[in-house]
All heavy atoms as atom14 arrays in JSON, in Angstrom:
{
  "sequence": "ISMLNTSGFWHEAKDLNSSRNDALIAKYLWIYKSWWVLFIVGM",
  "atom14_mask": [
    [1, 1, 1, 1, 1, 1, 1, 1, 0, 0, 0, 0, 0, 0],
    [1, 1, 1, 1, 1, 1, 0, 0, 0, 0, 0, 0, 0, 0],
    [1, 1, 1, 1, 1, 1, 1, 1, 0, 0, 0, 0, 0, 0],
    [1, 1, 1, 1, 1, 1, 1, 1, 0, 0, 0, 0, 0, 0],
    [1, 1, 1, 1, 1, 1, 1, 1, 0, 0, 0, 0, 0, 0],
    [1, 1, 1, 1, 1, 1, 1, 0, 0, 0, 0, 0, 0, 0],
    [1, 1, 1, 1, 1, 1, 0, 0, 0, 0, 0, 0, 0, 0],
    [1, 1, 1, 1, 0, 0, 0, 0, 0, 0, 0, 0, 0, 0],
    [1, 1, 1, 1, 1, 1, 1, 1, 1, 1, 1, 0, 0, 0],
    [1, 1, 1, 1, 1, 1, 1, 1, 1, 1, 1, 1, 1, 1],
    [1, 1, 1, 1, 1, 1, 1, 1, 1, 1, 0, 0, 0, 0],
    [1, 1, 1, 1, 1, 1, 1, 1, 1, 0, 0, 0, 0, 0],
    [1, 1, 1, 1, 1, 0, 0, 0, 0, 0, 0, 0, 0, 0],
    [1, 1, 1, 1, 1, 1, 1, 1, 1, 0, 0, 0, 0, 0],
    [1, 1, 1, 1, 1, 1, 1, 1, 0, 0, 0, 0, 0, 0],
    [1, 1, 1, 1, 1, 1, 1, 1, 0, 0, 0, 0, 0, 0],
    [1, 1, 1, 1, 1, 1, 1, 1, 0, 0, 0, 0, 0, 0],
    [1, 1, 1, 1, 1, 1, 0, 0, 0, 0, 0, 0, 0, 0],
    [1, 1, 1, 1, 1, 1, 0, 0, 0, 0, 0, 0, 0, 0],
    [1, 1, 1, 1, 1, 1, 1, 1, 1, 1, 1, 0, 0, 0],
    [1, 1, 1, 1, 1, 1, 1, 1, 0, 0, 0, 0, 0, 0],
    [1, 1, 1, 1, 1, 1, 1, 1, 0, 0, 0, 0, 0, 0],
    [1, 1, 1, 1, 1, 0, 0, 0, 0, 0, 0, 0, 0, 0],
    [1, 1, 1, 1, 1, 1, 1, 1, 0, 0, 0, 0, 0, 0],
    [1, 1, 1, 1, 1, 1, 1, 1, 0, 0, 0, 0, 0, 0],
    [1, 1, 1, 1, 1, 0, 0, 0, 0, 0, 0, 0, 0, 0],
    [1, 1, 1, 1, 1, 1, 1, 1, 1, 0, 0, 0, 0, 0],
    [1, 1, 1, 1, 1, 1, 1, 1, 1, 1, 1, 1, 0, 0],
    [1, 1, 1, 1, 1, 1, 1, 1, 0, 0, 0, 0, 0, 0],
    [1, 1, 1, 1, 1, 1, 1, 1, 1, 1, 1, 1, 1, 1],
    [1, 1, 1, 1, 1, 1, 1, 1, 0, 0, 0, 0, 0, 0],
    [1, 1, 1, 1, 1, 1, 1, 1, 1, 1, 1, 1, 0, 0],
    [1, 1, 1, 1, 1, 1, 1, 1, 1, 0, 0, 0, 0, 0],
    [1, 1, 1, 1, 1, 1, 0, 0, 0, 0, 0, 0, 0, 0],
    [1, 1, 1, 1, 1, 1, 1, 1, 1, 1, 1, 1, 1, 1],
    [1, 1, 1, 1, 1, 1, 1, 1, 1, 1, 1, 1, 1, 1],
    [1, 1, 1, 1, 1, 1, 1, 0, 0, 0, 0, 0, 0, 0],
    [1, 1, 1, 1, 1, 1, 1, 1, 0, 0, 0, 0, 0, 0],
    [1, 1, 1, 1, 1, 1, 1, 1, 1, 1, 1, 0, 0, 0],
    [1, 1, 1, 1, 1, 1, 1, 1, 0, 0, 0, 0, 0, 0],
    [1, 1, 1, 1, 1, 1, 1, 0, 0, 0, 0, 0, 0, 0],
    [1, 1, 1, 1, 0, 0, 0, 0, 0, 0, 0, 0, 0, 0],
    [1, 1, 1, 1, 1, 1, 1, 1, 0, 0, 0, 0, 0, 0]
  ],
  "atom14_positions": [
    [[95.04, 86.74, 147.66], [95.16, 85.6, 148.57], [95.54, 84.33, 147.85], [95.49, 83.25, 148.41], [93.86, 85.4, 149.38], [92.69, 85.07, 148.46], [93.57, 86.58, 150.27], [91.47, 84.58, 149.18], [0.0, 0.0, 0.0], [0.0, 0.0, 0.0], [0.0, 0.0, 0.0], [0.0, 0.0, 0.0], [0.0, 0.0, 0.0], [0.0, 0.0, 0.0]],
    [[95.94, 84.44, 146.57], [96.24, 83.25, 145.78], [97.42, 82.46, 146.34], [97.49, 81.25, 146.18], [96.53, 83.63, 144.33], [97.69, 84.42, 144.25], [0.0, 0.0, 0.0], [0.0, 0.0, 0.0], [0.0, 0.0, 0.0], [0.0, 0.0, 0.0], [0.0, 0.0, 0.0], [0.0, 0.0, 0.0], [0.0, 0.0, 0.0], [0.0, 0.0, 0.0]],
    [[98.36, 83.15, 147.0], [99.5, 82.43, 147.55], [99.11, 81.7, 148.83], [99.63, 80.64, 149.14], [100.65, 83.38, 147.84], [101.93, 82.66, 148.19], [103.41, 83.65, 148.09], [103.25, 84.73, 149.47], [0.0, 0.0, 0.0], [0.0, 0.0, 0.0], [0.0, 0.0, 0.0], [0.0, 0.0, 0.0], [0.0, 0.0, 0.0], [0.0, 0.0, 0.0]],
    [[98.15, 82.24, 149.56], [97.74, 81.62, 150.81], [96.62, 80.61, 150.6], [96.57, 79.59, 151.27], [97.28, 82.71, 151.79], [98.33, 83.77, 152.12], [97.7, 84.86, 152.96], [99.52, 83.16, 152.81], [0.0, 0.0, 0.0], [0.0, 0.0, 0.0], [0.0, 0.0, 0.0], [0.0, 0.0, 0.0], [0.0, 0.0, 0.0], [0.0, 0.0, 0.0]],
    [[95.71, 80.9, 149.7], [94.56, 80.04, 149.47], [94.74, 79.34, 148.13], [94.28, 79.82, 147.11], [93.27, 80.87, 149.48], [92.05, 80.01, 149.33], [92.14, 78.78, 149.32], [90.91, 80.63, 149.2], [0.0, 0.0, 0.0], [0.0, 0.0, 0.0], [0.0, 0.0, 0.0], [0.0, 0.0, 0.0], [0.0, 0.0, 0.0], [0.0, 0.0, 0.0]],
    [[95.42, 78.22, 148.14], [95.73, 77.54, 146.89], [94.5, 76.92, 146.24], [94.48, 76.74, 145.04], [96.78, 76.44, 147.1], [96.31, 75.53, 148.07], [98.09, 77.04, 147.52], [0.0, 0.0, 0.0], [0.0, 0.0, 0.0], [0.0, 0.0, 0.0], [0.0, 0.0, 0.0], [0.0, 0.0, 0.0], [0.0, 0.0, 0.0], [0.0, 0.0, 0.0]],
    [[93.5, 76.62, 147.03], [92.35, 75.94, 146.44], [91.39, 76.9, 145.76], [90.85, 76.6, 144.7], [91.61, 75.12, 147.5], [91.14, 75.99, 148.52], [0.0, 0.0, 0.0], [0.0, 0.0, 0.0], [0.0, 0.0, 0.0], [0.0, 0.0, 0.0], [0.0, 0.0, 0.0], [0.0, 0.0, 0.0], [0.0, 0.0, 0.0], [0.0, 0.0, 0.0]],
    [[91.15, 78.06, 146.32], [90.11, 78.95, 145.81], [90.38, 79.54, 144.44], [89.67, 79.26, 143.47], [0.0, 0.0, 0.0], [0.0, 0.0, 0.0], [0.0, 0.0, 0.0], [0.0, 0.0, 0.0], [0.0, 0.0, 0.0], [0.0, 0.0, 0.0], [0.0, 0.0, 0.0], [0.0, 0.0, 0.0], [0.0, 0.0, 0.0], [0.0, 0.0, 0.0]],
    [[91.39, 80.37, 144.35], [91.65, 81.1, 143.1], [92.0, 80.16, 141.95], [91.46, 80.28, 140.85], [92.79, 82.1, 143.31], [93.13, 82.85, 142.05], [92.42, 83.96, 141.69], [94.16, 82.41, 141.22], [92.71, 84.64, 140.52], [94.47, 83.08, 140.06], [93.74, 84.2, 139.71], [0.0, 0.0, 0.0], [0.0, 0.0, 0.0], [0.0, 0.0, 0.0]],
    [[92.9, 79.22, 142.2], [93.41, 78.39, 141.12], [92.35, 77.42, 140.61], [92.28, 77.15, 139.41], [94.67, 77.66, 141.58], [95.73, 78.64, 141.96], [96.08, 79.01, 143.23], [96.53, 79.44, 141.09], [97.07, 79.97, 143.19], [97.36, 80.26, 141.89], [96.63, 79.54, 139.7], [98.27, 81.15, 141.34], [97.55, 80.43, 139.18], [98.35, 81.21, 139.98]],
    [[91.5, 76.92, 141.5], [90.41, 76.04, 141.04], [89.37, 76.82, 140.26], [88.83, 76.32, 139.28], [89.77, 75.31, 142.22], [90.61, 74.18, 142.73], [90.8, 73.03, 142.03], [91.32, 74.04, 143.86], [91.59, 72.22, 142.7], [91.93, 72.81, 143.83], [0.0, 0.0, 0.0], [0.0, 0.0, 0.0], [0.0, 0.0, 0.0], [0.0, 0.0, 0.0]],
    [[89.09, 78.04, 140.7], [88.14, 78.86, 139.94], [88.7, 79.16, 138.55], [87.97, 79.11, 137.55], [87.84, 80.16, 140.67], [86.83, 81.01, 139.94], [86.55, 82.33, 140.59], [87.15, 82.65, 141.64], [85.74, 83.08, 140.02], [0.0, 0.0, 0.0], [0.0, 0.0, 0.0], [0.0, 0.0, 0.0], [0.0, 0.0, 0.0], [0.0, 0.0, 0.0]],
    [[89.98, 79.48, 138.47], [90.61, 79.76, 137.17], [90.54, 78.52, 136.27], [90.24, 78.63, 135.07], [92.04, 80.2, 137.35], [0.0, 0.0, 0.0], [0.0, 0.0, 0.0], [0.0, 0.0, 0.0], [0.0, 0.0, 0.0], [0.0, 0.0, 0.0], [0.0, 0.0, 0.0], [0.0, 0.0, 0.0], [0.0, 0.0, 0.0], [0.0, 0.0, 0.0]],
    [[90.8, 77.36, 136.84], [90.74, 76.12, 136.06], [89.32, 75.84, 135.58], [89.11, 75.49, 134.41], [91.24, 74.95, 136.9], [91.24, 73.64, 136.19], [91.71, 72.53, 137.09], [91.54, 71.18, 136.43], [91.78, 70.09, 137.34], [0.0, 0.0, 0.0], [0.0, 0.0, 0.0], [0.0, 0.0, 0.0], [0.0, 0.0, 0.0], [0.0, 0.0, 0.0]],
    [[88.35, 76.04, 136.45], [86.96, 75.8, 136.07], [86.48, 76.77, 135.0], [85.79, 76.38, 134.05], [86.04, 75.88, 137.29], [86.27, 74.75, 138.27], [86.85, 73.71, 137.86], [85.89, 74.89, 139.45], [0.0, 0.0, 0.0], [0.0, 0.0, 0.0], [0.0, 0.0, 0.0], [0.0, 0.0, 0.0], [0.0, 0.0, 0.0], [0.0, 0.0, 0.0]],
    [[86.83, 78.05, 135.15], [86.43, 79.04, 134.15], [87.11, 78.79, 132.82], [86.52, 78.99, 131.76], [86.73, 80.45, 134.64], [85.85, 81.0, 135.76], [86.37, 82.34, 136.25], [84.41, 81.14, 135.28], [0.0, 0.0, 0.0], [0.0, 0.0, 0.0], [0.0, 0.0, 0.0], [0.0, 0.0, 0.0], [0.0, 0.0, 0.0], [0.0, 0.0, 0.0]],
    [[88.36, 78.35, 132.86], [89.07, 78.1, 131.61], [88.59, 76.83, 130.92], [88.74, 76.72, 129.71], [90.58, 78.03, 131.85], [91.35, 78.13, 130.55], [91.03, 78.97, 129.71], [92.33, 77.28, 130.38], [0.0, 0.0, 0.0], [0.0, 0.0, 0.0], [0.0, 0.0, 0.0], [0.0, 0.0, 0.0], [0.0, 0.0, 0.0], [0.0, 0.0, 0.0]],
    [[88.0, 75.92, 131.65], [87.49, 74.71, 131.0], [86.36, 75.04, 130.03], [86.19, 74.36, 129.02], [87.04, 73.69, 132.03], [85.92, 74.17, 132.74], [0.0, 0.0, 0.0], [0.0, 0.0, 0.0], [0.0, 0.0, 0.0], [0.0, 0.0, 0.0], [0.0, 0.0, 0.0], [0.0, 0.0, 0.0], [0.0, 0.0, 0.0], [0.0, 0.0, 0.0]],
    [[85.62, 76.11, 130.32], [84.55, 76.5, 129.39], [85.06, 77.48, 128.32], [84.52, 77.54, 127.23], [83.39, 77.14, 130.16], [83.82, 78.31, 130.82], [0.0, 0.0, 0.0], [0.0, 0.0, 0.0], [0.0, 0.0, 0.0], [0.0, 0.0, 0.0], [0.0, 0.0, 0.0], [0.0, 0.0, 0.0], [0.0, 0.0, 0.0], [0.0, 0.0, 0.0]],
    [[86.11, 78.25, 128.62], [86.64, 79.24, 127.68], [87.7, 78.65, 126.75], [87.85, 79.1, 125.63], [87.26, 80.42, 128.44], [86.33, 81.12, 129.35], [85.41, 82.02, 128.58], [84.57, 82.75, 129.53], [83.35, 83.1, 129.29], [82.8, 82.82, 128.14], [82.65, 83.74, 130.18], [0.0, 0.0, 0.0], [0.0, 0.0, 0.0], [0.0, 0.0, 0.0]],
    [[88.48, 77.71, 127.24], [89.57, 77.08, 126.48], [90.55, 78.11, 125.92], [90.92, 78.06, 124.74], [89.03, 76.19, 125.36], [88.36, 74.96, 125.9], [88.77, 74.44, 126.94], [87.33, 74.5, 125.22], [0.0, 0.0, 0.0], [0.0, 0.0, 0.0], [0.0, 0.0, 0.0], [0.0, 0.0, 0.0], [0.0, 0.0, 0.0], [0.0, 0.0, 0.0]],
    [[91.0, 79.03, 126.75], [91.97, 80.04, 126.34], [93.37, 79.45, 126.48], [93.74, 78.95, 127.55], [91.82, 81.29, 127.21], [92.72, 82.41, 126.75], [92.52, 82.88, 125.62], [93.62, 82.8, 127.51], [0.0, 0.0, 0.0], [0.0, 0.0, 0.0], [0.0, 0.0, 0.0], [0.0, 0.0, 0.0], [0.0, 0.0, 0.0], [0.0, 0.0, 0.0]],
    [[94.15, 79.53, 125.43], [95.48, 78.93, 125.42], [96.44, 79.62, 126.39], [97.26, 78.97, 127.03], [96.06, 78.96, 124.02], [0.0, 0.0, 0.0], [0.0, 0.0, 0.0], [0.0, 0.0, 0.0], [0.0, 0.0, 0.0], [0.0, 0.0, 0.0], [0.0, 0.0, 0.0], [0.0, 0.0, 0.0], [0.0, 0.0, 0.0], [0.0, 0.0, 0.0]],
    [[96.35, 80.94, 126.52], [97.25, 81.67, 127.41], [96.97, 81.33, 128.88], [97.9, 81.1, 129.65], [97.1, 83.18, 127.17], [98.09, 84.07, 127.89], [99.53, 83.71, 127.5], [97.81, 85.53, 127.58], [0.0, 0.0, 0.0], [0.0, 0.0, 0.0], [0.0, 0.0, 0.0], [0.0, 0.0, 0.0], [0.0, 0.0, 0.0], [0.0, 0.0, 0.0]],
    [[95.72, 81.26, 129.25], [95.37, 80.88, 130.63], [95.78, 79.44, 130.9], [96.29, 79.13, 131.98], [93.88, 81.12, 130.9], [93.57, 82.61, 130.84], [93.48, 80.55, 132.25], [92.1, 82.94, 130.93], [0.0, 0.0, 0.0], [0.0, 0.0, 0.0], [0.0, 0.0, 0.0], [0.0, 0.0, 0.0], [0.0, 0.0, 0.0], [0.0, 0.0, 0.0]],
    [[95.58, 78.57, 129.92], [96.01, 77.18, 130.07], [97.52, 77.09, 130.3], [97.99, 76.29, 131.11], [95.6, 76.36, 128.85], [0.0, 0.0, 0.0], [0.0, 0.0, 0.0], [0.0, 0.0, 0.0], [0.0, 0.0, 0.0], [0.0, 0.0, 0.0], [0.0, 0.0, 0.0], [0.0, 0.0, 0.0], [0.0, 0.0, 0.0], [0.0, 0.0, 0.0]],
    [[98.27, 77.95, 129.61], [99.73, 77.98, 129.78], [100.09, 78.43, 131.19], [100.95, 77.84, 131.84], [100.35, 78.92, 128.76], [101.84, 79.09, 128.88], [102.34, 80.1, 127.87], [103.75, 80.5, 128.17], [104.21, 81.58, 127.29], [0.0, 0.0, 0.0], [0.0, 0.0, 0.0], [0.0, 0.0, 0.0], [0.0, 0.0, 0.0], [0.0, 0.0, 0.0]],
    [[99.42, 79.48, 131.68], [99.68, 79.96, 133.04], [99.33, 78.91, 134.09], [100.06, 78.73, 135.06], [98.91, 81.24, 133.32], [99.36, 82.45, 132.53], [98.48, 83.47, 132.23], [100.67, 82.57, 132.07], [98.87, 84.59, 131.51], [101.07, 83.67, 131.35], [100.18, 84.68, 131.07], [100.57, 85.78, 130.36], [0.0, 0.0, 0.0], [0.0, 0.0, 0.0]],
    [[98.22, 78.22, 133.9], [97.84, 77.17, 134.84], [98.83, 76.01, 134.78], [99.12, 75.39, 135.81], [96.42, 76.69, 134.55], [95.32, 77.7, 134.85], [93.98, 77.18, 134.35], [95.25, 78.0, 136.34], [0.0, 0.0, 0.0], [0.0, 0.0, 0.0], [0.0, 0.0, 0.0], [0.0, 0.0, 0.0], [0.0, 0.0, 0.0], [0.0, 0.0, 0.0]],
    [[99.34, 75.71, 133.59], [100.35, 74.66, 133.46], [101.62, 75.04, 134.2], [102.25, 74.19, 134.85], [100.64, 74.4, 131.99], [101.66, 73.33, 131.78], [101.44, 71.98, 131.76], [103.06, 73.51, 131.61], [102.63, 71.32, 131.57], [103.63, 72.24, 131.47], [103.89, 74.62, 131.54], [105.0, 72.05, 131.28], [105.25, 74.44, 131.36], [105.78, 73.16, 131.22]],
    [[102.03, 76.3, 134.14], [103.23, 76.76, 134.85], [103.04, 76.57, 136.35], [103.94, 76.09, 137.05], [103.53, 78.24, 134.5], [104.02, 78.34, 133.06], [104.55, 78.83, 135.46], [104.12, 79.77, 132.54], [0.0, 0.0, 0.0], [0.0, 0.0, 0.0], [0.0, 0.0, 0.0], [0.0, 0.0, 0.0], [0.0, 0.0, 0.0], [0.0, 0.0, 0.0]],
    [[101.86, 76.95, 136.86], [101.61, 76.81, 138.29], [101.58, 75.33, 138.71], [102.14, 74.95, 139.72], [100.31, 77.5, 138.67], [100.08, 77.55, 140.15], [100.85, 78.38, 140.95], [99.12, 76.76, 140.76], [100.67, 78.43, 142.32], [98.93, 76.8, 142.12], [99.7, 77.64, 142.89], [99.51, 77.66, 144.25], [0.0, 0.0, 0.0], [0.0, 0.0, 0.0]],
    [[100.96, 74.5, 137.88], [100.91, 73.07, 138.18], [102.31, 72.45, 138.13], [102.65, 71.6, 138.94], [99.99, 72.37, 137.17], [99.76, 70.93, 137.44], [98.78, 70.36, 136.42], [98.5, 68.92, 136.68], [97.55, 68.38, 135.7], [0.0, 0.0, 0.0], [0.0, 0.0, 0.0], [0.0, 0.0, 0.0], [0.0, 0.0, 0.0], [0.0, 0.0, 0.0]],
    [[103.14, 72.92, 137.2], [104.5, 72.42, 137.09], [105.31, 72.74, 138.35], [106.13, 71.94, 138.78], [105.21, 73.02, 135.87], [104.56, 72.63, 134.71], [0.0, 0.0, 0.0], [0.0, 0.0, 0.0], [0.0, 0.0, 0.0], [0.0, 0.0, 0.0], [0.0, 0.0, 0.0], [0.0, 0.0, 0.0], [0.0, 0.0, 0.0], [0.0, 0.0, 0.0]],
    [[105.05, 73.93, 138.92], [105.74, 74.29, 140.16], [105.42, 73.27, 141.24], [106.31, 72.82, 141.96], [105.34, 75.7, 140.62], [106.02, 76.06, 141.89], [107.23, 76.65, 142.01], [105.57, 75.8, 143.23], [107.55, 76.79, 143.35], [106.55, 76.27, 144.11], [104.42, 75.23, 143.76], [106.41, 76.19, 145.49], [104.29, 75.14, 145.13], [105.28, 75.62, 145.98]],
    [[104.15, 72.92, 141.36], [103.76, 71.95, 142.39], [104.38, 70.58, 142.13], [104.8, 69.89, 143.07], [102.23, 71.82, 142.47], [101.66, 72.88, 143.35], [100.96, 73.97, 142.96], [101.75, 72.96, 144.78], [100.61, 74.73, 144.06], [101.08, 74.12, 145.18], [102.34, 72.16, 145.74], [100.99, 74.5, 146.51], [102.24, 72.54, 147.07], [101.57, 73.69, 147.44]],
    [[104.44, 70.15, 140.89], [105.06, 68.86, 140.56], [106.53, 68.88, 140.94], [107.04, 67.93, 141.56], [104.86, 68.53, 139.06], [105.72, 67.35, 138.65], [103.4, 68.27, 138.77], [0.0, 0.0, 0.0], [0.0, 0.0, 0.0], [0.0, 0.0, 0.0], [0.0, 0.0, 0.0], [0.0, 0.0, 0.0], [0.0, 0.0, 0.0], [0.0, 0.0, 0.0]],
    [[107.24, 69.96, 140.59], [108.65, 70.06, 140.95], [108.85, 70.08, 142.46], [109.79, 69.48, 142.99], [109.27, 71.31, 140.33], [109.45, 71.3, 138.83], [109.91, 72.67, 138.34], [110.44, 70.22, 138.43], [0.0, 0.0, 0.0], [0.0, 0.0, 0.0], [0.0, 0.0, 0.0], [0.0, 0.0, 0.0], [0.0, 0.0, 0.0], [0.0, 0.0, 0.0]],
    [[107.95, 70.74, 143.17], [108.04, 70.8, 144.62], [107.83, 69.42, 145.24], [108.59, 68.99, 146.11], [107.01, 71.79, 145.17], [107.09, 71.97, 146.65], [108.1, 72.73, 147.21], [106.18, 71.37, 147.49], [108.19, 72.9, 148.58], [106.25, 71.53, 148.86], [107.26, 72.3, 149.41], [0.0, 0.0, 0.0], [0.0, 0.0, 0.0], [0.0, 0.0, 0.0]],
    [[106.83, 68.71, 144.78], [106.54, 67.37, 145.32], [107.67, 66.4, 144.99], [108.09, 65.61, 145.85], [105.17, 66.88, 144.81], [104.05, 67.71, 145.44], [104.98, 65.39, 145.1], [102.69, 67.5, 144.85], [0.0, 0.0, 0.0], [0.0, 0.0, 0.0], [0.0, 0.0, 0.0], [0.0, 0.0, 0.0], [0.0, 0.0, 0.0], [0.0, 0.0, 0.0]],
    [[108.18, 66.44, 143.76], [109.3, 65.57, 143.38], [110.51, 65.87, 144.25], [111.21, 64.97, 144.71], [109.62, 65.73, 141.88], [110.97, 65.13, 141.53], [108.52, 65.12, 141.04], [0.0, 0.0, 0.0], [0.0, 0.0, 0.0], [0.0, 0.0, 0.0], [0.0, 0.0, 0.0], [0.0, 0.0, 0.0], [0.0, 0.0, 0.0], [0.0, 0.0, 0.0]],
    [[110.74, 67.16, 144.5], [111.87, 67.54, 145.36], [111.7, 67.04, 146.78], [112.67, 66.59, 147.41], [0.0, 0.0, 0.0], [0.0, 0.0, 0.0], [0.0, 0.0, 0.0], [0.0, 0.0, 0.0], [0.0, 0.0, 0.0], [0.0, 0.0, 0.0], [0.0, 0.0, 0.0], [0.0, 0.0, 0.0], [0.0, 0.0, 0.0], [0.0, 0.0, 0.0]],
    [[110.5, 67.11, 147.3], [110.25, 66.62, 148.67], [110.41, 65.1, 148.76], [110.97, 64.61, 149.73], [108.86, 67.04, 149.14], [108.75, 68.53, 149.34], [110.02, 69.17, 150.41], [109.14, 69.33, 151.91], [0.0, 0.0, 0.0], [0.0, 0.0, 0.0], [0.0, 0.0, 0.0], [0.0, 0.0, 0.0], [0.0, 0.0, 0.0], [0.0, 0.0, 0.0]]
  ]
}
């Protein structure tokens, strides 16, 4: 449901990664955040 529920999965991943500090997960979260920035800039 990650595509439909943007708040649940992605916020949990961000919160869990804040305690783990995994570089690969941080990269994946950055990619997803970049998509939103590009979408908002485009709009």
